[in-house]
């Protein structure tokens, strides 16, 4: 691996670690500042699209969350986290049909048992919301 790539990968890993910590602590404003200061790294790591979407959605900046997640999906249409997160955004907007579709796409791209369990709970909750509306 080229030295430049190695430096970028190390920086990206460190930024993601810090961002995840800030999100866990509820410090989304600081997370957003850090993300925006390192925006150039987005093109190098698909997970940063998902992290950015989470930060925006926690701040109820739904349009930005949706837009960044959709950009990530253009690069990696089968990414579980991006599909899950865009499903969540649709659910927040009460667009349950699209949420269901994205969750089903995410289901086809599960990578871990934990993802499968989390997704099943979310789908069950969505089905209950749909039933309540009927």
N, C-alpha and C. Protein backbone atom coordinates (compact mmCIF):
# COMPACT_ATOMS: atom_id res chain seq x y z
N UNK A 1 0.85 -1.18 0.00
CA UNK A 1 0.00 0.00 0.00
C UNK A 1 0.89 1.24 0.00
N UNK A 2 0.51 2.17 -0.78
CA UNK A 2 1.23 3.43 -0.88
C UNK A 2 1.17 4.17 0.45
N UNK A 3 2.22 4.88 0.80
CA UNK A 3 2.31 5.61 2.08
C UNK A 3 1.15 6.59 2.24
N UNK A 4 0.80 7.30 1.18
CA UNK A 4 -0.31 8.27 1.24
C UNK A 4 -1.61 7.57 1.61
N UNK A 5 -1.87 6.44 0.97
CA UNK A 5 -3.09 5.66 1.28
C UNK A 5 -3.08 5.19 2.72
N UNK A 6 -1.93 4.77 3.19
CA UNK A 6 -1.81 4.29 4.56
C UNK A 6 -2.13 5.41 5.55
N UNK A 7 -1.62 6.60 5.30
CA UNK A 7 -1.88 7.75 6.15
C UNK A 7 -3.38 8.10 6.14
N UNK A 8 -3.98 8.09 4.95
CA UNK A 8 -5.40 8.37 4.83
C UNK A 8 -6.22 7.33 5.59
N UNK A 9 -5.88 6.06 5.43
CA UNK A 9 -6.61 5.00 6.13
C UNK A 9 -6.49 5.13 7.64
N UNK A 10 -5.30 5.45 8.12
CA UNK A 10 -5.10 5.63 9.56
C UNK A 10 -5.90 6.82 10.07
N UNK A 11 -5.86 7.92 9.33
CA UNK A 11 -6.61 9.12 9.72
C UNK A 11 -8.11 8.83 9.72
N UNK A 12 -8.57 8.12 8.69
CA UNK A 12 -9.99 7.79 8.58
C UNK A 12 -10.43 6.92 9.75
N UNK A 13 -9.64 5.90 10.09
CA UNK A 13 -9.96 5.03 11.24
C UNK A 13 -10.07 5.83 12.52
N UNK A 14 -9.13 6.74 12.73
CA UNK A 14 -9.12 7.55 13.95
C UNK A 14 -10.34 8.49 13.98
N UNK A 15 -10.64 9.12 12.86
CA UNK A 15 -11.81 10.02 12.78
C UNK A 15 -13.08 9.23 13.08
N UNK A 16 -13.23 8.04 12.48
CA UNK A 16 -14.43 7.22 12.72
C UNK A 16 -14.54 6.84 14.19
N UNK A 17 -13.42 6.48 14.81
CA UNK A 17 -13.43 6.10 16.22
C UNK A 17 -13.91 7.28 17.08
N UNK A 18 -13.39 8.45 16.81
CA UNK A 18 -13.77 9.64 17.57
C UNK A 18 -15.25 9.98 17.31
N UNK A 19 -15.66 9.94 16.03
CA UNK A 19 -17.06 10.25 15.69
C UNK A 19 -18.03 9.32 16.41
N UNK A 20 -17.73 8.02 16.40
CA UNK A 20 -18.61 7.06 17.07
C UNK A 20 -18.68 7.34 18.56
N UNK A 21 -17.57 7.71 19.16
CA UNK A 21 -17.56 8.06 20.58
C UNK A 21 -18.42 9.28 20.86
N UNK A 22 -18.27 10.30 20.02
CA UNK A 22 -19.07 11.52 20.20
C UNK A 22 -20.56 11.23 20.04
N UNK A 23 -20.90 10.39 19.07
CA UNK A 23 -22.32 10.03 18.86
C UNK A 23 -22.85 9.30 20.08
N UNK A 24 -22.08 8.32 20.60
CA UNK A 24 -22.50 7.58 21.80
C UNK A 24 -22.73 8.51 22.98
N UNK A 25 -21.92 9.57 23.06
CA UNK A 25 -22.04 10.53 24.16
C UNK A 25 -23.10 11.59 23.90
N UNK A 26 -23.73 11.54 22.74
CA UNK A 26 -24.76 12.52 22.40
C UNK A 26 -24.20 13.87 21.97
N UNK A 27 -22.94 13.91 21.64
CA UNK A 27 -22.29 15.16 21.26
C UNK A 27 -22.29 15.30 19.73
N UNK A 28 -23.50 15.38 19.18
CA UNK A 28 -23.61 15.40 17.72
C UNK A 28 -23.11 16.71 17.11
N UNK A 29 -23.18 17.79 17.84
CA UNK A 29 -22.68 19.07 17.30
C UNK A 29 -21.17 18.98 17.09
N UNK A 30 -20.45 18.44 18.10
CA UNK A 30 -19.01 18.28 17.96
C UNK A 30 -18.68 17.26 16.86
N UNK A 31 -19.49 16.21 16.79
CA UNK A 31 -19.28 15.19 15.76
C UNK A 31 -19.43 15.80 14.37
N UNK A 32 -20.43 16.65 14.20
CA UNK A 32 -20.67 17.28 12.90
C UNK A 32 -19.51 18.20 12.52
N UNK A 33 -19.01 18.94 13.48
CA UNK A 33 -17.87 19.83 13.21
C UNK A 33 -16.67 19.00 12.77
N UNK A 34 -16.39 17.92 13.50
CA UNK A 34 -15.27 17.06 13.14
C UNK A 34 -15.46 16.45 11.75
N UNK A 35 -16.68 16.00 11.48
CA UNK A 35 -16.97 15.42 10.17
C UNK A 35 -16.78 16.45 9.06
N UNK A 36 -17.33 17.63 9.25
CA UNK A 36 -17.22 18.66 8.21
C UNK A 36 -15.77 19.10 8.00
N UNK A 37 -14.98 19.10 9.09
CA UNK A 37 -13.56 19.44 8.96
C UNK A 37 -12.79 18.38 8.18
N UNK A 38 -13.35 17.19 8.09
CA UNK A 38 -12.67 16.07 7.41
C UNK A 38 -13.52 15.52 6.26
N UNK A 39 -14.32 16.37 5.68
CA UNK A 39 -15.26 15.98 4.63
C UNK A 39 -14.58 15.27 3.47
N UNK A 40 -13.34 15.66 3.19
CA UNK A 40 -12.60 15.08 2.06
C UNK A 40 -12.39 13.57 2.22
N UNK A 41 -12.50 13.06 3.44
CA UNK A 41 -12.32 11.62 3.67
C UNK A 41 -13.53 10.80 3.24
N UNK A 42 -14.68 11.44 3.03
CA UNK A 42 -15.90 10.71 2.66
C UNK A 42 -15.67 9.82 1.44
N UNK A 43 -14.95 10.33 0.48
CA UNK A 43 -14.77 9.56 -0.75
C UNK A 43 -13.91 8.32 -0.53
N UNK A 44 -13.19 8.26 0.59
CA UNK A 44 -12.30 7.14 0.85
C UNK A 44 -12.94 6.03 1.67
N UNK A 45 -14.03 6.32 2.38
CA UNK A 45 -14.59 5.33 3.29
C UNK A 45 -16.12 5.42 3.31
N UNK A 46 -16.78 4.38 2.83
CA UNK A 46 -18.24 4.38 2.72
C UNK A 46 -18.91 4.50 4.08
N UNK A 47 -18.27 3.99 5.13
CA UNK A 47 -18.88 4.04 6.46
C UNK A 47 -19.09 5.48 6.93
N UNK A 48 -18.27 6.40 6.45
CA UNK A 48 -18.44 7.79 6.84
C UNK A 48 -19.75 8.39 6.33
N UNK A 49 -20.25 7.88 5.21
CA UNK A 49 -21.56 8.33 4.72
C UNK A 49 -22.64 7.94 5.73
N UNK A 50 -22.55 6.74 6.24
CA UNK A 50 -23.51 6.26 7.21
C UNK A 50 -23.41 7.05 8.52
N UNK A 51 -22.19 7.27 8.97
CA UNK A 51 -21.98 8.04 10.20
C UNK A 51 -22.53 9.45 10.05
N UNK A 52 -22.26 10.07 8.90
CA UNK A 52 -22.78 11.42 8.63
C UNK A 52 -24.31 11.42 8.65
N UNK A 53 -24.91 10.41 8.04
CA UNK A 53 -26.37 10.30 8.05
C UNK A 53 -26.93 10.18 9.46
N UNK A 54 -26.27 9.42 10.30
CA UNK A 54 -26.70 9.26 11.69
C UNK A 54 -26.60 10.60 12.43
N UNK A 55 -25.49 11.29 12.24
CA UNK A 55 -25.31 12.59 12.91
C UNK A 55 -26.41 13.55 12.49
N UNK A 56 -26.65 13.66 11.19
CA UNK A 56 -27.70 14.56 10.70
C UNK A 56 -29.08 14.15 11.22
N UNK A 57 -29.35 12.85 11.24
CA UNK A 57 -30.69 12.43 11.70
C UNK A 57 -30.87 12.69 13.19
N UNK A 58 -29.82 12.53 13.99
CA UNK A 58 -29.92 12.85 15.42
C UNK A 58 -30.21 14.32 15.64
N UNK A 59 -29.74 15.16 14.70
CA UNK A 59 -30.00 16.59 14.79
C UNK A 59 -31.30 16.99 14.08
N UNK A 60 -32.04 15.97 13.63
CA UNK A 60 -33.30 16.17 12.90
C UNK A 60 -33.09 17.00 11.63
N UNK A 61 -31.92 16.87 11.04
CA UNK A 61 -31.63 17.49 9.74
C UNK A 61 -31.85 16.38 8.71
N UNK A 62 -33.11 16.05 8.53
CA UNK A 62 -33.51 14.87 7.78
C UNK A 62 -33.11 14.96 6.30
N UNK A 63 -33.29 16.10 5.70
CA UNK A 63 -32.94 16.24 4.28
C UNK A 63 -31.45 15.97 4.06
N UNK A 64 -30.60 16.55 4.92
CA UNK A 64 -29.16 16.32 4.79
C UNK A 64 -28.82 14.86 5.03
N UNK A 65 -29.48 14.25 6.03
CA UNK A 65 -29.24 12.84 6.33
C UNK A 65 -29.59 11.99 5.11
N UNK A 66 -30.77 12.23 4.55
CA UNK A 66 -31.21 11.47 3.38
C UNK A 66 -30.26 11.65 2.21
N UNK A 67 -29.87 12.89 1.95
CA UNK A 67 -29.01 13.18 0.80
C UNK A 67 -27.65 12.50 0.92
N UNK A 68 -27.03 12.55 2.08
CA UNK A 68 -25.70 11.96 2.23
C UNK A 68 -25.78 10.44 2.17
N UNK A 69 -26.83 9.86 2.74
CA UNK A 69 -26.99 8.40 2.68
C UNK A 69 -27.22 7.95 1.24
N UNK A 70 -28.04 8.68 0.50
CA UNK A 70 -28.28 8.33 -0.90
C UNK A 70 -27.00 8.45 -1.73
N UNK A 71 -26.15 9.43 -1.43
CA UNK A 71 -24.86 9.53 -2.11
C UNK A 71 -24.02 8.29 -1.82
N UNK A 72 -24.03 7.86 -0.58
CA UNK A 72 -23.29 6.65 -0.22
C UNK A 72 -23.84 5.43 -0.93
N UNK A 73 -25.16 5.34 -1.05
CA UNK A 73 -25.78 4.20 -1.73
C UNK A 73 -25.45 4.17 -3.22
N UNK A 74 -25.19 5.33 -3.81
CA UNK A 74 -24.76 5.34 -5.21
C UNK A 74 -23.40 4.67 -5.35
N UNK A 75 -22.57 4.81 -4.34
CA UNK A 75 -21.24 4.19 -4.37
C UNK A 75 -21.30 2.72 -3.97
N UNK A 76 -22.21 2.37 -3.05
CA UNK A 76 -22.29 1.00 -2.55
C UNK A 76 -23.76 0.66 -2.30
N UNK A 77 -24.49 0.26 -3.35
CA UNK A 77 -25.94 0.03 -3.25
C UNK A 77 -26.35 -1.11 -2.31
N UNK A 78 -25.42 -1.96 -1.95
CA UNK A 78 -25.76 -3.08 -1.07
C UNK A 78 -25.27 -2.93 0.35
N UNK A 79 -24.90 -1.72 0.74
CA UNK A 79 -24.35 -1.49 2.08
C UNK A 79 -25.47 -1.57 3.12
N UNK A 80 -25.35 -2.53 4.03
CA UNK A 80 -26.39 -2.75 5.03
C UNK A 80 -26.68 -1.49 5.84
N UNK A 81 -25.64 -0.86 6.37
CA UNK A 81 -25.85 0.30 7.24
C UNK A 81 -26.55 1.44 6.52
N UNK A 82 -26.14 1.69 5.27
CA UNK A 82 -26.78 2.76 4.51
C UNK A 82 -28.25 2.42 4.22
N UNK A 83 -28.52 1.18 3.86
CA UNK A 83 -29.90 0.77 3.59
C UNK A 83 -30.75 0.85 4.86
N UNK A 84 -30.20 0.40 5.96
CA UNK A 84 -30.91 0.47 7.24
C UNK A 84 -31.20 1.93 7.60
N UNK A 85 -30.18 2.78 7.46
CA UNK A 85 -30.34 4.19 7.84
C UNK A 85 -31.31 4.94 6.93
N UNK A 86 -31.31 4.64 5.63
CA UNK A 86 -32.26 5.33 4.76
C UNK A 86 -33.68 4.82 5.05
N UNK A 87 -33.79 3.55 5.43
CA UNK A 87 -35.10 3.04 5.87
C UNK A 87 -35.58 3.79 7.10
N UNK A 88 -34.68 4.04 8.03
CA UNK A 88 -35.02 4.78 9.25
C UNK A 88 -35.46 6.21 8.91
N UNK A 89 -34.75 6.84 7.98
CA UNK A 89 -35.11 8.20 7.57
C UNK A 89 -36.52 8.20 6.97
N UNK A 90 -36.80 7.23 6.11
CA UNK A 90 -38.14 7.13 5.53
C UNK A 90 -39.19 6.92 6.62
N UNK A 91 -38.85 6.11 7.59
CA UNK A 91 -39.78 5.86 8.69
C UNK A 91 -40.04 7.14 9.49
N UNK A 92 -38.99 7.94 9.73
CA UNK A 92 -39.17 9.22 10.42
C UNK A 92 -40.12 10.13 9.66
N UNK A 93 -40.07 10.04 8.35
CA UNK A 93 -40.93 10.87 7.50
C UNK A 93 -42.30 10.23 7.28
N UNK A 94 -42.54 9.13 8.00
CA UNK A 94 -43.78 8.37 7.90
C UNK A 94 -44.03 7.85 6.49
N UNK A 95 -42.97 7.63 5.75
CA UNK A 95 -43.05 7.02 4.43
C UNK A 95 -42.77 5.53 4.63
N UNK A 96 -43.77 4.85 5.17
CA UNK A 96 -43.60 3.47 5.62
C UNK A 96 -43.35 2.50 4.47
N UNK A 97 -43.94 2.77 3.32
CA UNK A 97 -43.73 1.88 2.17
C UNK A 97 -42.25 1.86 1.78
N UNK A 98 -41.66 3.05 1.63
CA UNK A 98 -40.24 3.10 1.28
C UNK A 98 -39.37 2.55 2.40
N UNK A 99 -39.73 2.83 3.65
CA UNK A 99 -38.98 2.28 4.78
C UNK A 99 -38.96 0.77 4.70
N UNK A 100 -40.14 0.18 4.47
CA UNK A 100 -40.25 -1.28 4.35
C UNK A 100 -39.33 -1.80 3.23
N UNK A 101 -39.37 -1.13 2.08
CA UNK A 101 -38.54 -1.57 0.95
C UNK A 101 -37.05 -1.50 1.27
N UNK A 102 -36.63 -0.41 1.88
CA UNK A 102 -35.20 -0.30 2.23
C UNK A 102 -34.81 -1.33 3.29
N UNK A 103 -35.67 -1.56 4.26
CA UNK A 103 -35.38 -2.58 5.27
C UNK A 103 -35.27 -3.97 4.64
N UNK A 104 -36.11 -4.23 3.65
CA UNK A 104 -36.04 -5.53 2.97
C UNK A 104 -34.73 -5.66 2.18
N UNK A 105 -34.30 -4.57 1.57
CA UNK A 105 -33.01 -4.59 0.87
C UNK A 105 -31.88 -4.79 1.87
N UNK A 106 -31.99 -4.14 3.02
CA UNK A 106 -30.97 -4.31 4.06
C UNK A 106 -30.94 -5.77 4.53
N UNK A 107 -32.12 -6.37 4.62
CA UNK A 107 -32.21 -7.76 5.07
C UNK A 107 -31.42 -8.69 4.15
N UNK A 108 -31.42 -8.38 2.87
CA UNK A 108 -30.67 -9.19 1.90
C UNK A 108 -29.16 -8.95 1.97
N UNK A 109 -28.75 -7.96 2.77
CA UNK A 109 -27.33 -7.61 2.85
C UNK A 109 -26.79 -7.67 4.29
N UNK A 110 -27.46 -8.45 5.12
CA UNK A 110 -27.01 -8.60 6.51
C UNK A 110 -25.63 -9.24 6.54
N UNK A 111 -24.77 -8.67 7.37
CA UNK A 111 -23.41 -9.18 7.49
C UNK A 111 -23.15 -9.86 8.83
N UNK A 112 -23.90 -9.49 9.85
CA UNK A 112 -23.69 -10.07 11.18
C UNK A 112 -25.01 -10.49 11.80
N UNK A 113 -24.93 -11.36 12.76
CA UNK A 113 -26.13 -11.81 13.48
C UNK A 113 -26.79 -10.65 14.20
N UNK A 114 -25.97 -9.76 14.75
CA UNK A 114 -26.50 -8.60 15.47
C UNK A 114 -27.32 -7.70 14.53
N UNK A 115 -26.83 -7.50 13.32
CA UNK A 115 -27.58 -6.71 12.34
C UNK A 115 -28.93 -7.35 12.07
N UNK A 116 -28.94 -8.66 11.93
CA UNK A 116 -30.19 -9.38 11.66
C UNK A 116 -31.18 -9.20 12.79
N UNK A 117 -30.72 -9.32 14.01
CA UNK A 117 -31.61 -9.15 15.17
C UNK A 117 -32.15 -7.73 15.26
N UNK A 118 -31.26 -6.76 15.09
CA UNK A 118 -31.68 -5.36 15.13
C UNK A 118 -32.71 -5.06 14.05
N UNK A 119 -32.46 -5.57 12.86
CA UNK A 119 -33.36 -5.32 11.74
C UNK A 119 -34.72 -5.96 11.98
N UNK A 120 -34.76 -7.15 12.50
CA UNK A 120 -36.03 -7.81 12.79
C UNK A 120 -36.87 -7.00 13.76
N UNK A 121 -36.23 -6.43 14.79
CA UNK A 121 -36.96 -5.59 15.76
C UNK A 121 -37.52 -4.35 15.09
N UNK A 122 -36.73 -3.74 14.22
CA UNK A 122 -37.16 -2.53 13.52
C UNK A 122 -38.32 -2.84 12.58
N UNK A 123 -38.22 -3.95 11.87
CA UNK A 123 -39.29 -4.33 10.95
C UNK A 123 -40.57 -4.63 11.72
N UNK A 124 -40.44 -5.31 12.84
CA UNK A 124 -41.61 -5.61 13.68
C UNK A 124 -42.27 -4.33 14.16
N UNK A 125 -41.47 -3.37 14.58
CA UNK A 125 -41.99 -2.08 15.01
C UNK A 125 -42.69 -1.35 13.86
N UNK A 126 -42.10 -1.40 12.68
CA UNK A 126 -42.69 -0.77 11.50
C UNK A 126 -44.03 -1.41 11.17
N UNK A 127 -44.10 -2.72 11.21
CA UNK A 127 -45.36 -3.43 10.92
C UNK A 127 -46.43 -2.99 11.92
N UNK A 128 -46.06 -2.82 13.19
CA UNK A 128 -47.03 -2.36 14.19
C UNK A 128 -47.51 -0.95 13.89
N UNK A 129 -46.63 -0.09 13.43
CA UNK A 129 -47.02 1.28 13.07
C UNK A 129 -48.00 1.24 11.90
N UNK A 130 -47.73 0.38 10.93
CA UNK A 130 -48.61 0.28 9.76
C UNK A 130 -49.97 -0.22 10.20
N UNK A 131 -50.00 -1.21 11.07
CA UNK A 131 -51.29 -1.75 11.57
C UNK A 131 -52.08 -0.69 12.31
N UNK A 132 -51.39 0.12 13.11
CA UNK A 132 -52.06 1.17 13.88
C UNK A 132 -52.68 2.21 12.96
N UNK A 133 -52.08 2.45 11.82
CA UNK A 133 -52.59 3.44 10.87
C UNK A 133 -53.80 2.91 10.10
N UNK A 134 -53.89 1.59 9.99
CA UNK A 134 -54.97 0.99 9.19
C UNK A 134 -56.30 1.04 9.89
